[in-house]
N, C-alpha and C. Protein backbone atom coordinates (compact mmCIF):
# COMPACT_ATOMS: atom_id res chain seq x y z
N GLY A 1 -14.41 -2.80 12.63
CA GLY A 1 -13.37 -1.82 12.47
C GLY A 1 -13.87 -0.65 11.65
N VAL A 2 -13.44 0.52 11.99
CA VAL A 2 -13.79 1.73 11.25
C VAL A 2 -12.49 2.38 10.80
N GLY A 3 -12.37 2.65 9.51
CA GLY A 3 -11.14 3.27 9.03
C GLY A 3 -11.23 3.62 7.57
N SER A 4 -10.15 4.11 7.04
CA SER A 4 -10.08 4.48 5.63
C SER A 4 -9.69 3.28 4.80
N PRO A 5 -10.53 2.90 3.83
CA PRO A 5 -10.12 1.82 2.93
C PRO A 5 -9.02 2.34 1.99
N ILE A 6 -7.94 1.65 1.97
CA ILE A 6 -6.76 2.06 1.20
C ILE A 6 -6.50 1.02 0.11
N VAL A 7 -6.00 1.45 -1.02
CA VAL A 7 -5.55 0.52 -2.06
C VAL A 7 -4.04 0.66 -2.15
N ASP A 8 -3.34 -0.43 -1.82
CA ASP A 8 -1.89 -0.46 -1.91
C ASP A 8 -1.48 -0.75 -3.35
N ILE A 9 -0.40 -0.10 -3.79
CA ILE A 9 0.17 -0.34 -5.11
C ILE A 9 1.47 -1.11 -4.88
N LEU A 10 1.54 -2.34 -5.39
CA LEU A 10 2.67 -3.22 -5.14
C LEU A 10 3.45 -3.50 -6.42
N ALA A 11 4.77 -3.34 -6.34
CA ALA A 11 5.62 -3.65 -7.49
C ALA A 11 6.99 -4.07 -7.00
N GLN A 12 7.54 -5.09 -7.62
CA GLN A 12 8.91 -5.51 -7.34
C GLN A 12 9.84 -4.63 -8.15
N VAL A 13 10.80 -4.01 -7.46
CA VAL A 13 11.73 -3.09 -8.14
C VAL A 13 13.16 -3.38 -7.68
N PRO A 14 14.14 -3.04 -8.50
CA PRO A 14 15.53 -3.21 -8.10
C PRO A 14 15.93 -2.12 -7.10
N GLU A 15 17.01 -2.36 -6.37
CA GLU A 15 17.52 -1.39 -5.40
C GLU A 15 17.77 -0.03 -6.04
N SER A 16 18.20 -0.03 -7.30
CA SER A 16 18.49 1.24 -7.98
C SER A 16 17.23 2.11 -8.09
N PHE A 17 16.07 1.50 -8.27
CA PHE A 17 14.83 2.26 -8.32
C PHE A 17 14.58 2.96 -6.99
N LEU A 18 14.82 2.25 -5.91
CA LEU A 18 14.62 2.83 -4.58
C LEU A 18 15.57 4.00 -4.33
N ALA A 19 16.79 3.87 -4.78
CA ALA A 19 17.77 4.95 -4.59
C ALA A 19 17.32 6.21 -5.32
N ASP A 20 16.75 6.05 -6.51
CA ASP A 20 16.30 7.20 -7.29
C ASP A 20 14.97 7.77 -6.80
N ALA A 21 14.15 6.95 -6.16
CA ALA A 21 12.81 7.37 -5.75
C ALA A 21 12.84 8.32 -4.56
N GLY A 22 13.87 8.20 -3.73
CA GLY A 22 13.92 9.01 -2.51
C GLY A 22 13.14 8.33 -1.40
N GLY A 23 13.18 8.90 -0.23
CA GLY A 23 12.51 8.28 0.91
C GLY A 23 13.38 7.19 1.50
N GLU A 24 12.91 6.61 2.59
CA GLU A 24 13.68 5.58 3.30
C GLU A 24 13.11 4.20 2.98
N LYS A 25 13.98 3.25 2.67
CA LYS A 25 13.55 1.89 2.37
C LYS A 25 12.84 1.33 3.60
N GLY A 26 11.65 0.75 3.37
CA GLY A 26 10.88 0.17 4.45
C GLY A 26 10.04 1.18 5.20
N GLY A 27 10.14 2.45 4.82
CA GLY A 27 9.38 3.49 5.50
C GLY A 27 8.13 3.84 4.72
N MET A 28 7.45 4.85 5.20
CA MET A 28 6.24 5.34 4.55
C MET A 28 6.32 6.86 4.51
N GLU A 29 5.95 7.41 3.38
CA GLU A 29 6.03 8.87 3.22
C GLU A 29 4.83 9.34 2.42
N LEU A 30 4.16 10.37 2.89
CA LEU A 30 3.05 10.95 2.16
C LEU A 30 3.61 11.75 0.98
N VAL A 31 3.08 11.48 -0.22
CA VAL A 31 3.55 12.19 -1.42
C VAL A 31 2.35 12.79 -2.15
N THR A 32 2.62 13.74 -3.01
CA THR A 32 1.56 14.35 -3.81
C THR A 32 1.12 13.39 -4.91
N ALA A 33 -0.04 13.67 -5.48
CA ALA A 33 -0.54 12.86 -6.59
C ALA A 33 0.43 12.91 -7.77
N GLU A 34 1.05 14.07 -7.99
CA GLU A 34 2.00 14.20 -9.10
C GLU A 34 3.23 13.31 -8.87
N THR A 35 3.73 13.28 -7.64
CA THR A 35 4.88 12.42 -7.33
C THR A 35 4.51 10.96 -7.50
N MET A 36 3.33 10.57 -7.05
CA MET A 36 2.90 9.18 -7.20
C MET A 36 2.79 8.81 -8.67
N ASP A 37 2.21 9.67 -9.48
CA ASP A 37 2.11 9.40 -10.92
C ASP A 37 3.49 9.24 -11.55
N ARG A 38 4.44 10.09 -11.13
CA ARG A 38 5.80 10.02 -11.67
C ARG A 38 6.46 8.69 -11.30
N LEU A 39 6.30 8.27 -10.05
CA LEU A 39 6.90 7.01 -9.60
C LEU A 39 6.27 5.81 -10.31
N ILE A 40 4.96 5.82 -10.44
CA ILE A 40 4.28 4.70 -11.11
C ILE A 40 4.71 4.62 -12.58
N ALA A 41 4.88 5.77 -13.22
CA ALA A 41 5.31 5.78 -14.63
C ALA A 41 6.70 5.19 -14.80
N LYS A 42 7.54 5.27 -13.77
CA LYS A 42 8.91 4.76 -13.85
C LYS A 42 9.02 3.28 -13.47
N LEU A 43 7.94 2.65 -13.01
CA LEU A 43 8.02 1.25 -12.61
C LEU A 43 8.41 0.37 -13.78
N PRO A 44 9.27 -0.62 -13.54
CA PRO A 44 9.70 -1.51 -14.62
C PRO A 44 8.63 -2.53 -15.00
N VAL A 45 7.63 -2.73 -14.15
CA VAL A 45 6.54 -3.68 -14.42
C VAL A 45 5.22 -3.05 -13.98
N GLU A 46 4.12 -3.59 -14.49
CA GLU A 46 2.79 -3.12 -14.09
C GLU A 46 2.56 -3.48 -12.62
N PRO A 47 2.15 -2.51 -11.80
CA PRO A 47 1.95 -2.82 -10.38
C PRO A 47 0.66 -3.61 -10.14
N ALA A 48 0.64 -4.31 -9.02
CA ALA A 48 -0.57 -5.01 -8.56
C ALA A 48 -1.26 -4.11 -7.55
N LEU A 49 -2.57 -4.20 -7.47
CA LEU A 49 -3.34 -3.43 -6.51
C LEU A 49 -3.88 -4.38 -5.45
N ALA A 50 -3.83 -3.96 -4.19
CA ALA A 50 -4.30 -4.79 -3.09
C ALA A 50 -5.03 -3.92 -2.08
N PRO A 51 -6.20 -4.38 -1.59
CA PRO A 51 -6.89 -3.60 -0.57
C PRO A 51 -6.10 -3.60 0.72
N GLY A 52 -6.21 -2.53 1.47
CA GLY A 52 -5.47 -2.45 2.72
C GLY A 52 -5.99 -1.34 3.61
N GLY A 53 -5.12 -0.86 4.46
CA GLY A 53 -5.47 0.10 5.50
C GLY A 53 -5.42 -0.63 6.83
N SER A 54 -4.97 0.02 7.87
CA SER A 54 -4.76 -0.68 9.14
C SER A 54 -6.03 -1.28 9.71
N ALA A 55 -7.15 -0.57 9.66
CA ALA A 55 -8.40 -1.12 10.19
C ALA A 55 -8.85 -2.32 9.35
N ALA A 56 -8.80 -2.20 8.03
CA ALA A 56 -9.20 -3.30 7.16
C ALA A 56 -8.30 -4.51 7.35
N ASN A 57 -7.01 -4.30 7.45
CA ASN A 57 -6.08 -5.42 7.66
C ASN A 57 -6.34 -6.11 8.99
N THR A 58 -6.63 -5.34 10.04
CA THR A 58 -6.91 -5.92 11.35
C THR A 58 -8.19 -6.74 11.33
N VAL A 59 -9.25 -6.19 10.72
CA VAL A 59 -10.51 -6.92 10.62
C VAL A 59 -10.33 -8.20 9.80
N PHE A 60 -9.57 -8.13 8.73
CA PHE A 60 -9.30 -9.32 7.91
C PHE A 60 -8.59 -10.39 8.74
N ALA A 61 -7.58 -9.98 9.49
CA ALA A 61 -6.84 -10.94 10.32
C ALA A 61 -7.75 -11.57 11.37
N LEU A 62 -8.61 -10.78 11.99
CA LEU A 62 -9.55 -11.32 12.97
C LEU A 62 -10.48 -12.34 12.33
N ALA A 63 -10.98 -12.01 11.13
CA ALA A 63 -11.85 -12.94 10.42
C ALA A 63 -11.13 -14.24 10.09
N GLN A 64 -9.85 -14.14 9.71
CA GLN A 64 -9.05 -15.34 9.42
C GLN A 64 -8.90 -16.22 10.67
N LEU A 65 -8.93 -15.59 11.84
CA LEU A 65 -8.83 -16.32 13.11
C LEU A 65 -10.18 -16.86 13.57
N GLY A 66 -11.24 -16.58 12.82
CA GLY A 66 -12.55 -17.09 13.16
C GLY A 66 -13.38 -16.14 14.02
N VAL A 67 -12.88 -14.94 14.26
CA VAL A 67 -13.61 -13.94 15.04
C VAL A 67 -14.60 -13.25 14.11
N GLY A 68 -15.84 -13.06 14.58
CA GLY A 68 -16.82 -12.32 13.79
C GLY A 68 -16.34 -10.87 13.67
N ALA A 69 -16.20 -10.37 12.47
CA ALA A 69 -15.66 -9.02 12.28
C ALA A 69 -16.32 -8.33 11.11
N SER A 70 -16.44 -7.01 11.20
CA SER A 70 -17.00 -6.20 10.13
C SER A 70 -16.14 -4.96 9.95
N PHE A 71 -16.23 -4.38 8.76
CA PHE A 71 -15.45 -3.18 8.46
C PHE A 71 -16.36 -2.11 7.89
N LEU A 72 -16.20 -0.89 8.37
CA LEU A 72 -16.91 0.27 7.84
C LEU A 72 -15.87 1.28 7.40
N GLY A 73 -15.88 1.63 6.12
CA GLY A 73 -14.87 2.56 5.62
C GLY A 73 -15.51 3.72 4.90
């Protein structure tokens, strides 16, 4: 797989946080670095970081199924 290696920022938040953050629940929206910093600063807990990106996730799933797979990012 060839793609952009992405680092996901994961945090459990209450519904009220989502209402204040804007955007659609379950959706994805490109934001500026300043907006991301503001949202992270408002998190009630320290977020977890997880590798991701569609190509990386697909290659990982293939490897879990026993298929020989490689990723170039």
